Amino acid sequence: MGTSAEELADVVRCTREAAAAYMRGDMDRYLTLVRHARGFTLLPPYGGGPRRYDDRGADLRRAEASIEGGDAELEQVETHARGDTVVLVMIERQHGRVGSLPDQDWSLRVTQVFRRDGDGWLLVHRHADPLVRPVDLEQVAALARGADGT
């Protein structure tokens, strides 16, 4: 079964609205827009190893209080659809208050993978990193070594 242009547009629309809801700290709305698969994997933007979730909602609810006052816009770079799989490659241009930090840019490079589930879609994987702006070879090497920048 192929993916129609209308279905792709709906996945992108929901993803766009979900990113904005997340940066406002509105996890109820986020979870209404994006359903996570059991076994969802995340490569978080702050690094470290992959995380696997059977219930992504619980983790998002814990983060809810530390994210507020922001907004997000998606720059859709590429969309790939094959059979029952959709891959979105995008830049999330976003800002907000996270933790005790003031409102600032939190833009991320993001790849998300969705799998068809009945008449809807499940998010099965997300990879996000803050490398929206280019870094030089020495900076990449320091990150790869785990250097703390001091």
Protein backbone atom coordinates (compact mmCIF):
# COMPACT_ATOMS: atom_id res chain seq x y z
CA MET A 1 0.00 0.00 0.00
CA GLY A 2 1.42 3.40 -0.98
CA THR A 3 1.22 6.65 0.90
CA SER A 4 -0.91 9.35 -0.68
CA ALA A 5 0.10 12.99 -0.95
CA GLU A 6 -2.77 13.79 1.42
CA GLU A 7 -1.45 11.32 4.04
CA LEU A 8 2.06 12.80 3.77
CA ALA A 9 0.69 16.30 4.17
CA ASP A 10 -1.18 15.17 7.30
CA VAL A 11 1.97 13.61 8.84
CA VAL A 12 3.88 16.85 8.20
CA ARG A 13 1.03 19.00 9.57
CA CYS A 14 0.78 16.94 12.76
CA THR A 15 4.57 17.01 13.18
CA ARG A 16 4.62 20.80 12.71
CA GLU A 17 1.83 21.35 15.26
CA ALA A 18 3.41 18.86 17.69
CA ALA A 19 6.78 20.65 17.62
CA ALA A 20 5.08 23.94 18.50
CA ALA A 21 3.06 22.28 21.29
CA TYR A 22 6.23 20.69 22.71
CA MET A 23 8.02 24.06 22.88
CA ARG A 24 5.01 25.55 24.70
CA GLY A 25 5.19 22.68 27.21
CA ASP A 26 1.77 21.44 26.07
CA MET A 27 2.41 17.70 26.19
CA ASP A 28 -1.31 16.84 26.09
CA ARG A 29 -1.55 18.45 22.67
CA TYR A 30 1.77 16.95 21.57
CA LEU A 31 0.62 13.44 22.50
CA THR A 32 -2.70 13.98 20.72
CA LEU A 33 -0.84 14.83 17.52
CA VAL A 34 1.96 12.24 17.64
CA ARG A 35 1.47 8.65 18.72
CA HIS A 36 4.66 6.82 19.69
CA ALA A 37 5.19 3.16 18.90
CA ARG A 38 5.93 0.68 21.63
CA GLY A 39 9.72 0.37 21.45
CA PHE A 40 10.11 3.96 20.16
CA THR A 41 13.80 4.92 19.93
CA LEU A 42 15.26 8.36 20.53
CA LEU A 43 18.70 9.77 19.86
CA PRO A 44 18.32 12.89 22.03
CA PRO A 45 19.75 16.28 21.03
CA TYR A 46 22.01 16.46 24.08
CA GLY A 47 23.88 13.33 23.10
CA GLY A 48 24.46 10.06 24.84
CA GLY A 49 23.26 6.67 23.81
CA PRO A 50 19.97 5.77 22.22
CA ARG A 51 16.91 5.55 24.45
CA ARG A 52 14.09 3.07 24.01
CA TYR A 53 10.57 3.66 25.31
CA ASP A 54 7.55 1.46 25.68
CA ASP A 55 5.65 4.51 26.99
CA ARG A 56 7.04 7.80 25.70
CA GLY A 57 4.19 9.71 27.32
CA ALA A 58 5.53 9.24 30.85
CA ASP A 59 8.91 10.75 29.89
CA LEU A 60 7.26 13.68 28.14
CA ARG A 61 5.05 14.40 31.15
CA ARG A 62 8.18 14.62 33.35
CA ALA A 63 9.70 17.18 30.95
CA GLU A 64 6.49 19.22 30.70
CA ALA A 65 7.20 21.54 33.64
CA SER A 66 10.69 22.45 32.37
CA ILE A 67 9.62 23.67 28.91
CA GLU A 68 7.53 26.78 28.38
CA GLY A 69 6.84 29.91 26.45
CA GLY A 70 8.28 28.76 23.15
CA ASP A 71 7.29 28.14 19.60
CA ALA A 72 8.54 26.14 16.65
CA GLU A 73 8.43 26.22 12.86
CA LEU A 74 9.44 23.30 10.67
CA GLU A 75 11.71 23.65 7.71
CA GLN A 76 10.89 20.52 5.76
CA VAL A 77 14.09 19.38 4.04
CA GLU A 78 12.97 16.06 2.58
CA THR A 79 10.13 13.57 2.84
CA HIS A 80 10.57 9.92 1.92
CA ALA A 81 7.65 7.51 1.70
CA ARG A 82 7.78 3.86 0.80
CA GLY A 83 5.06 1.39 1.57
CA ASP A 84 4.03 1.80 5.19
CA THR A 85 7.02 3.96 6.18
CA VAL A 86 7.48 7.73 6.11
CA VAL A 87 10.76 9.51 6.91
CA LEU A 88 10.79 13.26 7.57
CA VAL A 89 14.08 15.18 7.42
CA MET A 90 13.69 18.68 8.82
CA ILE A 91 15.04 21.58 10.77
CA GLU A 92 12.97 22.50 13.81
CA ARG A 93 13.48 26.27 14.13
CA GLN A 94 12.39 26.80 17.69
CA HIS A 95 12.88 28.86 20.81
CA GLY A 96 11.66 28.79 24.37
CA ARG A 97 12.55 28.56 28.03
CA VAL A 98 13.96 25.17 29.00
CA GLY A 99 14.88 24.41 32.59
CA SER A 100 16.29 27.50 34.29
CA LEU A 101 17.61 28.96 31.03
CA PRO A 102 16.12 32.10 29.48
CA ASP A 103 14.20 32.05 26.21
CA GLN A 104 16.72 31.14 23.53
CA ASP A 105 17.16 29.38 20.21
CA TRP A 106 16.72 25.60 20.48
CA SER A 107 16.79 24.79 16.76
CA LEU A 108 17.52 21.16 15.89
CA ARG A 109 18.27 18.99 12.88
CA VAL A 110 15.72 16.18 13.06
CA THR A 111 14.94 12.92 11.33
CA GLN A 112 11.72 11.12 12.25
CA VAL A 113 10.52 7.72 11.06
CA PHE A 114 6.83 6.82 11.06
CA ARG A 115 5.11 3.46 10.49
CA ARG A 116 1.52 3.07 9.33
CA ASP A 117 -0.80 1.78 12.04
CA GLY A 118 -4.30 1.17 10.69
CA ASP A 119 -5.46 4.50 9.34
CA GLY A 120 -2.88 6.51 11.34
CA TRP A 121 0.86 6.72 11.92
CA LEU A 122 3.17 5.77 14.79
CA LEU A 123 6.46 7.56 15.42
CA VAL A 124 9.03 4.77 15.72
CA HIS A 125 12.29 6.75 15.76
CA ARG A 126 13.55 10.32 16.27
CA HIS A 127 17.09 11.57 15.91
CA ALA A 128 17.70 15.20 16.87
CA ASP A 129 20.88 17.21 17.25
CA PRO A 130 21.71 20.89 17.76
CA LEU A 131 24.24 21.10 14.90
CA VAL A 132 22.07 23.43 12.81
CA ARG A 133 25.01 25.79 12.39
CA PRO A 134 28.23 24.43 10.90
CA VAL A 135 31.09 23.52 13.20
CA ASP A 136 34.72 23.10 12.23
CA LEU A 137 36.74 19.89 12.29
CA GLU A 138 38.33 20.67 15.67
CA GLN A 139 34.90 21.15 17.26
CA VAL A 140 33.67 17.88 15.80
CA ALA A 141 36.79 16.13 17.07
CA ALA A 142 36.27 17.59 20.56
CA LEU A 143 32.67 16.38 20.58
CA ALA A 144 33.73 12.91 19.37
CA ARG A 145 36.35 12.71 22.14
CA GLY A 146 33.81 13.81 24.72
CA ALA A 147 35.84 16.91 25.51
CA ASP A 148 34.00 19.38 27.70
CA GLY A 149 35.20 22.43 25.79
CA THR A 150 37.49 23.76 28.53
